[in-house]
Amino acid sequence: MRWQVPTDTLRALRDLVIDKIYCYQLVTKLIVKYVHQKMIHQYGLMPSDRNAPLRQSLRKQWHIWPYVYIISTITQSPNHQSPITNSMSKSSSSSPFEQETELKRDLGVVSATTIIIGGIIGSGIFGAPADIARQLGNPGLFMLVWIIGGVMGFTGALCFAELGAMMPRSGGQYVYLKEAYPPIVSFLYGWMDVVLIQSAGLAAIGVVCTNYLGYFIPIVSPDVSVLSLGPVVVSSQQVVIWILLAFLCFANYVGVRFGGLVMNLTTFAKVSALVGLALVAVIVGGGDSSHFMPLIPPDLDAGIFTLMGPAMIGALFAYQGWTNTNAVAGEVKDPQKVLPRAIFFGLGLCTVVYMAVNWTYLYVLSIDEIAASQRVASDVAERLVGPIGGSLISAAVMISTFGTMNGILLFSTRIPYAMARDGLFFKSFGHVHSRYQTPSRAIVAVTIWAIGWTFLGGFQDIINAFVYAVYAYFGLNVLALILLRRKYPDAHRPYKVAGYPYVPIFFLIVVTWVVITIVAQNFSQALPGLACLAVGAVVYLVRFRKK
């Protein structure tokens, strides 16, 4: 006779097992939630980095893994995934139309607008006006350049908003280019972003920061030489820029949380400096309306179109942050309504602020005085309220530009990290420091390149080498919008650009004109960027083409 376990015993055993499983399921969920929150608040990692500390921390909880396995195999249906499996599957998804993380759409118009404004207003408004005035020499054209820059930013941001809402993944432009073009195009974008765009941008902003530092410490100047090695001369300004870059590299190397704190603290300084300067000019007065004449050059002809292109470089650099629309595209509620409003208000307010500040410059200084000024904002403030005004504005600009440098270094590793993860870039850029949980090697690499670009010279010399490349890739991304409309007509698009296809076509026409005239008129200064592009093509063909 075969022995059988009583039914009551089986039921009791079953209930006991279920209770144990339920208990450990709750414990597992609490551990996952704790680790996830600790990772976000303590490590401050990029979205695509989140799984690394999650897995590392859970491995230490070795005693719960048998129960995690039981839970995942017994209590879950085939259509349901555990938090761990779900997180890993999302991170390994290859579809550009899937979100890497569960983004909660809770950003309204005000929040999205603030993010856009914070990304745009930076160092360009303090460093570019003098160079624009030197190239144009006319107050009317001087103001027109800033209007054109605002219109380009507005139309471009509308196009980027559709791409960002459709593909809300870490990597930004790299993801869009990879989906629309052959792999070499997206690789060259990532290559240029690391080697030229981000690193040279750091160097250019460092020049602006140290220019205003020279207001307090005159020895910090491009004219003061501290070292000479044949044709290579190192100025005191360069040395100070290197020190700033080294400090920011260290700060971001050991923890992004500190870097984010610096960026938040400096945002207020740049906005208050600009608004305060314009308000003081209106309240105090002391300017001269004759500085705005002649509004139109008496010898205006068709040649102005070739002259305007190179003069646009400074304004385009100042408006460059409008791509921040993509940082919020996947997290705004009701994107069809909120995104265009946020872009309209964000770009509109930035354009108004830029116009007001440049009006203040022209009201207080003549176009020739602006062209000759090395620190136009502090010169204007000093003329309005005396040395105290110049000191306050110089300090605010220094804080602002320092924060902008930190912001660039903080986020410059996102694209190469995404590329390294896809096998289309050097593995070292995908490395995350085991202790600090930061992309340490990528941060060091960008810093070294930035130090190298300081040898190009002044602010205008540096931005001439890369701004045309920035907008050339902006144009390729907007063209990708048109191509993806045809390639994926049924893809989910939470937001569609208004005025399609006229808005993207207008942007492409203006960008083509600007890029061609910049390269044609300043070929020698554009040559370093073109050389980087050629080297990048060789690197791709030799090392990454088969991948």
Protein backbone atom coordinates (compact mmCIF):
# COMPACT_ATOMS: atom_id res chain seq x y z
CA MET A 1 0.00 0.00 0.00
CA ARG A 2 1.45 3.35 -1.09
CA TRP A 3 1.78 5.99 1.60
CA GLN A 4 0.05 9.31 0.83
CA VAL A 5 0.47 12.66 2.49
CA PRO A 6 -2.80 13.82 4.01
CA THR A 7 -4.58 16.54 2.08
CA ASP A 8 -4.66 18.85 5.09
CA THR A 9 -0.87 18.56 5.43
CA LEU A 10 -0.37 19.43 1.76
CA ARG A 11 -2.60 22.46 2.10
CA ALA A 12 -0.77 23.61 5.21
CA LEU A 13 2.60 23.17 3.48
CA ARG A 14 1.33 25.03 0.44
CA ASP A 15 0.07 27.92 2.57
CA LEU A 16 3.40 28.05 4.42
CA VAL A 17 5.38 28.19 1.15
CA ILE A 18 3.09 30.86 -0.26
CA ASP A 19 3.44 32.94 2.91
CA LYS A 20 7.24 32.63 2.77
CA ILE A 21 7.31 33.54 -0.90
CA TYR A 22 5.06 36.53 -0.29
CA CYS A 23 7.26 37.66 2.59
CA TYR A 24 10.46 37.45 0.57
CA GLN A 25 8.74 39.08 -2.39
CA LEU A 26 8.03 42.10 -0.22
CA VAL A 27 11.61 42.09 1.10
CA THR A 28 12.98 41.91 -2.44
CA LYS A 29 10.82 44.80 -3.61
CA LEU A 30 11.94 46.91 -0.66
CA ILE A 31 15.61 46.15 -1.38
CA VAL A 32 15.21 47.00 -5.07
CA LYS A 33 13.43 50.25 -4.21
CA TYR A 34 16.06 51.19 -1.60
CA VAL A 35 19.00 50.50 -3.92
CA HIS A 36 17.32 52.37 -6.78
CA GLN A 37 16.69 55.47 -4.65
CA LYS A 38 20.17 55.34 -3.11
CA MET A 39 21.69 55.08 -6.58
CA ILE A 40 19.81 58.13 -7.86
CA HIS A 41 20.36 60.40 -4.84
CA GLN A 42 23.88 59.35 -3.88
CA TYR A 43 25.54 58.46 -7.17
CA GLY A 44 23.65 60.80 -9.52
CA LEU A 45 24.16 58.46 -12.48
CA MET A 46 22.93 58.84 -16.03
CA PRO A 47 19.73 56.90 -16.87
CA SER A 48 21.65 54.27 -18.80
CA ASP A 49 24.02 53.69 -15.85
CA ARG A 50 21.35 52.80 -13.33
CA ASN A 51 21.53 49.04 -13.67
CA ALA A 52 25.24 48.80 -12.71
CA PRO A 53 24.98 49.80 -9.02
CA LEU A 54 21.61 48.01 -8.83
CA ARG A 55 23.14 44.70 -9.85
CA GLN A 56 26.28 45.23 -7.76
CA SER A 57 24.29 45.96 -4.61
CA LEU A 58 21.88 43.05 -5.13
CA ARG A 59 24.76 40.62 -5.63
CA LYS A 60 25.81 41.36 -2.05
CA GLN A 61 22.35 40.21 -0.87
CA TRP A 62 23.25 36.61 -1.84
CA HIS A 63 20.89 34.98 0.61
CA ILE A 64 17.73 36.34 -1.06
CA TRP A 65 18.51 35.19 -4.60
CA PRO A 66 16.92 31.69 -4.24
CA TYR A 67 13.70 33.36 -3.21
CA VAL A 68 13.94 35.89 -6.03
CA TYR A 69 14.23 32.97 -8.43
CA ILE A 70 11.23 31.19 -6.86
CA ILE A 71 9.17 34.37 -7.00
CA SER A 72 10.02 35.01 -10.66
CA THR A 73 9.23 31.44 -11.73
CA ILE A 74 6.20 30.56 -9.59
CA THR A 75 4.22 33.65 -8.67
CA GLN A 76 4.48 35.65 -11.90
CA SER A 77 2.61 35.16 -15.12
CA PRO A 78 4.44 34.99 -18.49
CA ASN A 79 3.35 38.55 -19.25
CA HIS A 80 4.71 39.99 -16.02
CA GLN A 81 8.36 40.71 -15.17
CA SER A 82 10.10 41.30 -11.90
CA PRO A 83 11.64 44.72 -11.23
CA ILE A 84 15.12 43.31 -11.89
CA THR A 85 14.22 41.56 -15.14
CA ASN A 86 12.17 44.52 -16.28
CA SER A 87 15.03 46.97 -15.60
CA MET A 88 17.57 44.83 -17.44
CA SER A 89 15.32 44.24 -20.42
CA LYS A 90 14.69 47.95 -20.78
CA SER A 91 18.36 48.78 -20.70
CA SER A 92 19.18 46.23 -23.37
CA SER A 93 16.41 47.27 -25.71
CA SER A 94 17.69 48.15 -29.12
CA SER A 95 14.60 49.94 -30.36
CA PRO A 96 15.00 53.72 -30.44
CA PHE A 97 11.27 54.15 -29.92
CA GLU A 98 11.29 52.49 -26.48
CA GLN A 99 12.01 54.37 -23.30
CA GLU A 100 15.06 53.27 -21.31
CA THR A 101 13.36 54.10 -18.04
CA GLU A 102 9.80 54.63 -16.92
CA LEU A 103 9.59 58.38 -17.44
CA LYS A 104 6.73 59.99 -15.61
CA ARG A 105 5.08 62.67 -17.71
CA ASP A 106 4.58 65.31 -15.04
CA LEU A 107 6.44 68.37 -16.38
CA GLY A 108 4.18 71.29 -17.16
CA VAL A 109 4.75 74.43 -19.21
CA VAL A 110 6.60 76.30 -16.43
CA SER A 111 9.02 73.46 -15.62
CA ALA A 112 9.80 72.70 -19.27
CA THR A 113 10.27 76.40 -20.03
CA THR A 114 12.69 76.81 -17.12
CA ILE A 115 14.81 73.89 -18.32
CA ILE A 116 15.00 75.35 -21.84
CA ILE A 117 15.98 78.82 -20.57
CA GLY A 118 18.61 77.36 -18.25
CA GLY A 119 20.17 75.47 -21.14
CA ILE A 120 20.36 78.48 -23.47
CA ILE A 121 21.55 81.41 -21.38
CA GLY A 122 25.24 80.94 -20.78
CA SER A 123 28.53 82.56 -21.72
CA GLY A 124 27.87 83.53 -25.34
CA ILE A 125 26.03 86.74 -24.49
CA PHE A 126 29.09 87.92 -22.53
CA GLY A 127 31.78 86.91 -25.04
CA ALA A 128 30.21 87.15 -28.49
CA PRO A 129 28.98 90.79 -28.83
CA ALA A 130 32.44 92.30 -29.22
CA ASP A 131 33.36 89.95 -32.08
CA ILE A 132 30.01 90.49 -33.82
CA ALA A 133 30.46 94.26 -33.56
CA ARG A 134 33.97 94.01 -35.02
CA GLN A 135 32.76 92.03 -38.04
CA LEU A 136 29.63 94.05 -38.85
CA GLY A 137 30.35 97.56 -37.57
CA ASN A 138 26.67 98.54 -37.80
CA PRO A 139 24.14 98.67 -34.92
CA GLY A 140 21.19 97.53 -37.07
CA LEU A 141 22.98 94.45 -38.36
CA PHE A 142 24.35 93.84 -34.87
CA MET A 143 20.80 93.51 -33.52
CA LEU A 144 19.56 91.59 -36.58
CA VAL A 145 22.07 88.80 -35.93
CA TRP A 146 20.51 88.10 -32.53
CA ILE A 147 17.00 88.04 -34.01
CA ILE A 148 18.03 85.52 -36.67
CA GLY A 149 19.68 83.38 -34.01
CA GLY A 150 16.46 83.33 -32.00
CA VAL A 151 14.34 82.38 -35.03
CA MET A 152 16.75 79.56 -35.91
CA GLY A 153 16.64 78.31 -32.35
CA PHE A 154 12.83 78.36 -32.29
CA THR A 155 12.37 76.42 -35.54
CA GLY A 156 15.15 73.98 -34.69
CA ALA A 157 13.75 73.34 -31.21
CA LEU A 158 10.33 72.48 -32.65
CA CYS A 159 11.95 69.86 -34.90
CA PHE A 160 14.10 68.42 -32.11
CA ALA A 161 11.06 68.21 -29.84
CA GLU A 162 9.40 65.74 -32.22
CA LEU A 163 12.54 63.61 -32.38
CA GLY A 164 13.00 63.68 -28.61
CA ALA A 165 9.38 62.79 -27.87
CA MET A 166 9.46 59.94 -30.39
CA MET A 167 12.81 58.54 -29.17
CA PRO A 168 13.23 59.54 -25.50
CA ARG A 169 16.49 57.64 -25.01
CA SER A 170 19.88 58.56 -23.64
CA GLY A 171 22.18 59.59 -26.47
CA GLY A 172 20.11 62.32 -28.10
CA GLN A 173 21.34 63.24 -31.55
CA TYR A 174 23.40 60.06 -31.79
CA VAL A 175 20.21 57.99 -31.58
CA TYR A 176 18.43 60.01 -34.28
CA LEU A 177 21.40 59.94 -36.65
CA LYS A 178 21.93 56.22 -36.11
CA GLU A 179 18.34 55.51 -37.06
CA ALA A 180 18.27 57.72 -40.18
CA TYR A 181 21.75 57.36 -41.70
CA PRO A 182 24.56 54.83 -42.18
CA PRO A 183 26.57 54.08 -38.99
CA ILE A 184 29.51 56.27 -40.00
CA VAL A 185 27.36 59.41 -39.66
CA SER A 186 26.39 58.72 -36.05
CA PHE A 187 29.95 57.64 -35.21
CA LEU A 188 31.40 60.86 -36.61
CA TYR A 189 28.89 62.86 -34.61
CA GLY A 190 29.98 61.17 -31.38
CA TRP A 191 33.63 61.54 -32.34
CA MET A 192 33.25 65.26 -33.12
CA ASP A 193 31.18 65.80 -29.99
CA VAL A 194 33.97 64.49 -27.75
CA VAL A 195 37.07 65.61 -29.62
CA LEU A 196 35.82 69.01 -30.83
CA ILE A 197 32.37 70.28 -29.88
CA GLN A 198 32.22 69.72 -26.12
CA SER A 199 35.92 70.09 -25.41
CA ALA A 200 36.39 73.23 -27.54
CA GLY A 201 33.22 74.65 -25.99
CA LEU A 202 34.80 74.16 -22.58
CA ALA A 203 37.92 76.00 -23.73
CA ALA A 204 35.92 78.91 -25.21
CA ILE A 205 33.86 79.38 -22.07
CA GLY A 206 37.04 79.18 -20.02
CA VAL A 207 38.36 82.14 -22.02
CA VAL A 208 35.26 84.20 -21.17
CA CYS A 209 35.50 83.25 -17.49
CA THR A 210 39.15 84.24 -17.21
CA ASN A 211 38.61 87.43 -19.24
CA TYR A 212 36.29 88.66 -16.49
CA LEU A 213 38.63 87.32 -13.81
CA GLY A 214 41.16 89.71 -15.32
CA TYR A 215 38.96 92.58 -14.12
CA PHE A 216 40.07 91.74 -10.57
CA ILE A 217 43.50 90.24 -11.34
CA PRO A 218 44.98 92.08 -14.34
CA ILE A 219 47.89 89.64 -14.57
CA VAL A 220 45.40 87.04 -15.85
CA SER A 221 45.61 88.08 -19.48
CA PRO A 222 46.32 86.57 -22.90
CA ASP A 223 49.06 89.19 -23.26
CA VAL A 224 51.04 88.00 -20.22
CA SER A 225 53.40 85.18 -21.22
CA VAL A 226 54.57 82.67 -18.62
CA LEU A 227 56.24 80.09 -20.86
CA SER A 228 57.65 80.04 -24.37
CA LEU A 229 58.61 76.87 -26.24
CA GLY A 230 59.60 77.98 -29.70
CA PRO A 231 56.46 79.07 -31.56
CA VAL A 232 54.25 77.90 -28.68
CA VAL A 233 53.59 80.61 -26.09
CA VAL A 234 51.63 79.88 -22.92
CA SER A 235 49.85 82.85 -21.38
CA SER A 236 48.79 83.36 -17.79
CA GLN A 237 45.18 83.16 -18.95
CA GLN A 238 45.76 79.68 -20.37
CA VAL A 239 47.31 78.49 -17.11
CA VAL A 240 44.29 79.68 -15.13
CA ILE A 241 41.93 77.96 -17.60
CA TRP A 242 43.88 74.72 -17.12
CA ILE A 243 43.55 75.04 -13.34
CA LEU A 244 39.79 75.54 -13.63
CA LEU A 245 39.46 72.55 -15.96
CA ALA A 246 41.53 70.36 -13.64
CA PHE A 247 39.38 71.32 -10.65
CA LEU A 248 36.12 70.59 -12.50
CA CYS A 249 37.54 67.33 -13.79
CA PHE A 250 38.32 66.27 -10.23
CA ALA A 251 34.90 67.38 -8.94
CA ASN A 252 33.02 65.41 -11.58
CA TYR A 253 35.41 62.47 -11.35
CA VAL A 254 34.72 61.86 -7.67
CA GLY A 255 30.98 62.55 -7.77
CA VAL A 256 28.42 63.99 -10.15
CA ARG A 257 26.31 65.07 -7.19
CA PHE A 258 28.78 67.83 -6.35
CA GLY A 259 28.91 68.84 -10.00
CA GLY A 260 25.14 69.15 -10.16
CA LEU A 261 25.15 71.30 -7.02
CA VAL A 262 27.63 73.73 -8.59
CA MET A 263 25.48 73.98 -11.72
CA ASN A 264 22.32 74.73 -9.73
CA LEU A 265 24.02 77.43 -7.67
CA THR A 266 25.37 79.25 -10.74
CA THR A 267 22.13 79.36 -12.74
CA PHE A 268 20.79 82.29 -10.72
CA ALA A 269 23.96 84.35 -11.26
CA LYS A 270 23.82 84.42 -15.05
CA VAL A 271 20.13 85.32 -15.27
CA SER A 272 20.33 88.01 -12.58
CA ALA A 273 23.41 89.56 -14.20
CA LEU A 274 21.66 89.95 -17.56
CA VAL A 275 18.31 91.18 -16.26
CA GLY A 276 19.95 93.45 -13.69
CA LEU A 277 22.18 95.08 -16.31
CA ALA A 278 19.22 95.91 -18.55
CA LEU A 279 17.14 97.25 -15.64
CA VAL A 280 19.96 99.47 -14.40
CA ALA A 281 20.32 100.98 -17.88
CA VAL A 282 16.61 101.79 -17.98
CA ILE A 283 16.48 103.19 -14.43
CA VAL A 284 19.80 105.05 -14.30
CA GLY A 285 20.01 106.13 -17.92
CA GLY A 286 23.22 107.74 -19.07
CA GLY A 287 23.29 106.19 -22.52
CA ASP A 288 23.10 107.76 -25.96
CA SER A 289 20.39 106.93 -28.52
CA SER A 290 22.66 108.09 -31.34
CA HIS A 291 24.61 104.85 -30.88
CA PHE A 292 21.80 103.08 -32.77
CA MET A 293 22.40 105.09 -35.93
CA PRO A 294 22.71 104.38 -38.80
CA LEU A 295 20.25 101.53 -38.40
CA ILE A 296 20.86 100.36 -41.98
CA PRO A 297 24.31 100.58 -43.61
CA PRO A 298 24.31 103.18 -46.41
CA ASP A 299 26.30 100.85 -48.69
CA LEU A 300 24.06 97.81 -48.16
CA ASP A 301 24.18 95.31 -51.04
CA ALA A 302 23.96 91.56 -51.73
CA GLY A 303 27.42 91.06 -50.25
CA ILE A 304 25.90 91.43 -46.80
CA PHE A 305 24.73 87.80 -46.97
CA THR A 306 28.31 86.50 -47.10
CA LEU A 307 29.30 88.94 -44.34
CA MET A 308 26.45 87.93 -42.03
CA GLY A 309 27.32 84.22 -42.02
CA PRO A 310 30.62 84.45 -40.10
CA ALA A 311 29.15 87.15 -37.86
CA MET A 312 26.41 84.71 -36.88
CA ILE A 313 28.91 82.38 -35.18
CA GLY A 314 28.83 84.16 -31.83
CA ALA A 315 25.03 84.44 -31.75
CA LEU A 316 24.58 80.80 -32.77
CA PHE A 317 26.94 79.78 -29.97
CA ALA A 318 24.91 81.86 -27.50
CA TYR A 319 21.63 80.20 -28.54
CA GLN A 320 23.11 76.69 -28.79
CA GLY A 321 21.36 75.29 -25.71
CA TRP A 322 17.94 75.09 -27.39
CA THR A 323 18.55 71.36 -27.90
CA ASN A 324 17.60 71.04 -24.21
CA THR A 325 14.05 70.54 -25.47
CA ASN A 326 15.10 66.91 -25.91
CA ALA A 327 15.97 66.62 -22.25
CA VAL A 328 12.31 67.17 -21.37
CA ALA A 329 10.51 65.82 -24.44
CA GLY A 330 9.85 62.40 -22.91
CA GLU A 331 8.67 63.74 -19.55
CA VAL A 332 6.16 66.47 -20.34
CA LYS A 333 2.48 65.89 -19.85
CA ASP A 334 0.30 66.41 -22.90
CA PRO A 335 3.36 67.04 -25.15
CA GLN A 336 1.25 68.07 -28.15
CA LYS A 337 0.24 71.21 -26.23
CA VAL A 338 2.95 71.69 -23.62
CA LEU A 339 6.05 71.33 -25.84
CA PRO A 340 5.26 74.08 -28.38
CA ARG A 341 4.23 76.41 -25.56
CA ALA A 342 7.40 75.71 -23.57
CA ILE A 343 9.52 76.24 -26.68
CA PHE A 344 7.67 79.44 -27.55
CA PHE A 345 8.01 80.88 -24.05
CA GLY A 346 11.55 79.57 -23.49
CA LEU A 347 13.04 80.73 -26.80
CA GLY A 348 10.90 83.85 -26.71
CA LEU A 349 12.12 84.89 -23.27
CA CYS A 350 15.75 84.11 -24.14
CA THR A 351 15.50 86.16 -27.33
CA VAL A 352 13.92 89.06 -25.43
CA VAL A 353 16.63 88.91 -22.75
CA TYR A 354 19.39 88.77 -25.37
CA MET A 355 17.86 91.66 -27.30
CA ALA A 356 17.47 93.71 -24.10
CA VAL A 357 21.08 93.09 -23.07
CA ASN A 358 22.45 93.95 -26.51
CA TRP A 359 20.25 97.05 -26.57
CA THR A 360 21.86 97.98 -23.25
CA TYR A 361 25.32 97.44 -24.71
CA LEU A 362 24.51 99.72 -27.66
CA TYR A 363 22.76 102.29 -25.50
CA VAL A 364 25.77 102.73 -23.23
CA LEU A 365 28.65 102.05 -25.66
CA SER A 366 29.03 102.84 -29.34
CA ILE A 367 29.43 100.00 -31.83
CA ASP A 368 33.16 100.78 -32.03
CA GLU A 369 33.53 100.76 -28.25
CA ILE A 370 31.78 97.38 -28.08
CA ALA A 371 34.14 96.04 -30.75
CA ALA A 372 37.18 97.19 -28.77
CA SER A 373 35.96 95.87 -25.41
CA GLN A 374 37.35 92.70 -23.89
CA ARG A 375 34.74 92.67 -21.09
CA VAL A 376 31.73 94.42 -22.57
CA ALA A 377 29.30 93.60 -19.73
CA SER A 378 31.56 94.95 -16.98
CA ASP A 379 32.50 97.99 -19.09
CA VAL A 380 28.81 98.83 -19.50
CA ALA A 381 28.08 98.33 -15.79
CA GLU A 382 31.09 100.41 -14.77
CA ARG A 383 29.98 103.29 -16.99
CA LEU A 384 26.45 103.13 -15.57
CA VAL A 385 27.12 102.90 -11.81
CA GLY A 386 30.89 103.04 -11.39
CA PRO A 387 33.49 100.44 -10.30
CA ILE A 388 31.04 98.67 -7.97
CA GLY A 389 28.85 97.87 -10.97
CA GLY A 390 31.77 96.54 -12.96
CA SER A 391 32.85 94.38 -10.02
CA LEU A 392 29.40 92.91 -9.46
CA ILE A 393 28.84 92.08 -13.13
CA SER A 394 32.33 90.60 -13.49
CA ALA A 395 31.77 88.38 -10.46
CA ALA A 396 28.37 87.28 -11.77
CA VAL A 397 29.81 86.45 -15.20
CA MET A 398 32.65 84.47 -13.63
CA ILE A 399 30.19 82.43 -11.55
CA SER A 400 27.91 81.94 -14.54
CA THR A 401 30.62 80.77 -16.92
CA PHE A 402 32.18 78.53 -14.28
CA GLY A 403 28.81 76.84 -13.84
CA THR A 404 28.41 76.49 -17.60
CA MET A 405 31.81 74.80 -17.84
CA ASN A 406 30.78 72.41 -15.11
CA GLY A 407 27.50 71.66 -16.87
CA ILE A 408 29.25 70.80 -20.12
CA LEU A 409 31.70 68.47 -18.38
CA LEU A 410 28.84 66.95 -16.39
CA PHE A 411 26.81 65.95 -19.46
CA SER A 412 29.47 65.62 -22.16
CA THR A 413 29.92 61.90 -21.50
CA ARG A 414 26.32 60.88 -22.27
CA ILE A 415 26.70 60.43 -26.02
CA PRO A 416 30.06 58.57 -26.03
CA TYR A 417 28.72 56.38 -23.21
CA ALA A 418 25.71 55.38 -25.32
CA MET A 419 27.97 54.76 -28.32
CA ALA A 420 30.42 52.64 -26.31
CA ARG A 421 27.49 50.59 -25.07
CA ASP A 422 26.51 49.95 -28.71
CA GLY A 423 30.09 48.98 -29.64
CA LEU A 424 30.55 52.07 -31.82
CA PHE A 425 33.08 53.89 -29.65
CA PHE A 426 36.08 53.17 -27.46
CA LYS A 427 35.20 50.91 -24.53
CA SER A 428 36.92 53.22 -22.06
CA PHE A 429 34.14 55.78 -22.58
CA GLY A 430 31.65 53.23 -21.31
CA HIS A 431 33.68 52.60 -18.15
CA VAL A 432 32.07 53.51 -14.82
CA HIS A 433 34.38 53.99 -11.83
CA SER A 434 33.90 51.17 -9.33
CA ARG A 435 34.04 53.48 -6.32
CA TYR A 436 32.65 56.82 -7.47
CA GLN A 437 30.17 55.40 -10.02
CA THR A 438 31.09 58.12 -12.55
CA PRO A 439 32.24 57.87 -16.20
CA SER A 440 35.72 58.78 -14.99
CA ARG A 441 37.78 58.00 -18.09
CA ALA A 442 35.45 59.93 -20.38
CA ILE A 443 35.62 62.96 -18.06
CA VAL A 444 39.43 62.91 -18.11
CA ALA A 445 39.52 62.55 -21.91
CA VAL A 446 37.21 65.54 -22.50
CA THR A 447 39.27 67.64 -20.08
CA ILE A 448 42.54 66.82 -21.87
CA TRP A 449 41.05 67.75 -25.25
CA ALA A 450 39.73 71.03 -23.79
CA ILE A 451 43.21 71.93 -22.57
CA GLY A 452 44.54 71.31 -26.06
CA TRP A 453 41.98 73.61 -27.70
CA THR A 454 43.09 76.56 -25.54
CA PHE A 455 46.12 76.86 -27.82
CA LEU A 456 43.90 78.10 -30.66
CA GLY A 457 43.76 81.58 -29.14
CA GLY A 458 40.87 83.76 -28.03
CA PHE A 459 37.14 83.17 -27.72
CA GLN A 460 36.29 83.86 -31.36
CA ASP A 461 39.22 81.76 -32.63
CA ILE A 462 37.99 78.75 -30.69
CA ILE A 463 34.28 78.97 -31.57
CA ASN A 464 35.17 79.50 -35.24
CA ALA A 465 36.67 76.00 -35.16
CA PHE A 466 33.51 74.16 -34.10
CA VAL A 467 30.23 76.14 -34.24
CA TYR A 468 29.76 75.36 -37.94
CA ALA A 469 30.08 71.64 -37.11
CA VAL A 470 27.45 71.96 -34.37
CA TYR A 471 24.92 73.46 -36.75
CA ALA A 472 25.84 71.12 -39.58
CA TYR A 473 24.81 68.24 -37.33
CA PHE A 474 21.70 70.15 -36.27
CA GLY A 475 20.83 70.28 -39.96
CA LEU A 476 21.42 66.54 -40.38
CA ASN A 477 19.14 65.86 -37.42
CA VAL A 478 16.35 68.01 -38.84
CA LEU A 479 16.76 66.24 -42.18
CA ALA A 480 16.54 62.98 -40.23
CA LEU A 481 13.13 64.14 -39.01
CA ILE A 482 11.90 64.21 -42.62
CA LEU A 483 13.52 60.86 -43.42
CA LEU A 484 12.05 59.18 -40.33
CA ARG A 485 8.59 60.50 -41.18
CA ARG A 486 8.86 58.43 -44.35
CA LYS A 487 10.73 55.48 -42.87
CA TYR A 488 8.42 55.06 -39.86
CA PRO A 489 5.11 56.69 -40.81
CA ASP A 490 3.20 54.75 -38.13
CA ALA A 491 5.63 55.33 -35.25
CA HIS A 492 4.11 56.84 -32.13
CA ARG A 493 4.84 60.58 -32.06
CA PRO A 494 3.54 62.26 -28.89
CA TYR A 495 4.40 65.59 -30.51
CA LYS A 496 4.52 66.54 -34.20
CA VAL A 497 6.22 69.71 -35.35
CA ALA A 498 3.76 72.40 -36.37
CA GLY A 499 4.03 73.66 -39.93
CA TYR A 500 5.59 70.47 -41.28
CA PRO A 501 7.37 70.33 -43.76
CA TYR A 502 7.87 74.10 -44.05
CA VAL A 503 9.43 74.61 -40.61
CA PRO A 504 12.17 71.95 -41.02
CA ILE A 505 12.81 73.04 -44.63
CA PHE A 506 13.23 76.67 -43.52
CA PHE A 507 15.69 75.60 -40.83
CA LEU A 508 17.66 73.50 -43.33
CA ILE A 509 17.92 76.40 -45.78
CA VAL A 510 19.19 78.85 -43.16
CA VAL A 511 21.61 76.32 -41.63
CA THR A 512 23.03 75.46 -45.06
CA TRP A 513 23.61 79.15 -45.79
CA VAL A 514 25.28 79.73 -42.41
CA VAL A 515 27.55 76.67 -42.54
CA ILE A 516 28.70 77.28 -46.13
CA THR A 517 29.46 80.97 -45.57
CA ILE A 518 31.28 80.27 -42.29
CA VAL A 519 33.55 77.65 -43.84
CA ALA A 520 34.12 79.68 -47.01
CA GLN A 521 34.92 82.93 -45.22
CA ASN A 522 36.94 81.41 -42.34
CA PHE A 523 38.41 78.30 -43.91
CA SER A 524 41.73 78.54 -42.07
CA GLN A 525 39.97 78.74 -38.69
CA ALA A 526 37.52 75.98 -39.67
CA LEU A 527 40.42 73.73 -40.70
CA PRO A 528 41.05 72.19 -37.24
CA GLY A 529 37.46 70.98 -37.12
CA LEU A 530 37.64 69.60 -40.66
CA ALA A 531 40.86 67.81 -39.73
CA CYS A 532 39.12 66.20 -36.73
CA LEU A 533 36.34 65.05 -39.06
CA ALA A 534 38.85 63.46 -41.45
CA VAL A 535 40.70 61.69 -38.63
CA GLY A 536 37.39 60.43 -37.26
CA ALA A 537 36.48 58.95 -40.65
CA VAL A 538 39.79 57.08 -40.75
CA VAL A 539 39.30 55.78 -37.19
CA TYR A 540 35.85 54.49 -38.09
CA LEU A 541 37.01 52.74 -41.26
CA VAL A 542 39.98 51.12 -39.53
CA ARG A 543 38.45 50.13 -36.20
CA PHE A 544 34.66 50.30 -36.12
CA ARG A 545 33.35 49.66 -39.64
CA LYS A 546 33.06 45.89 -39.17
CA LYS A 547 31.27 46.34 -35.84
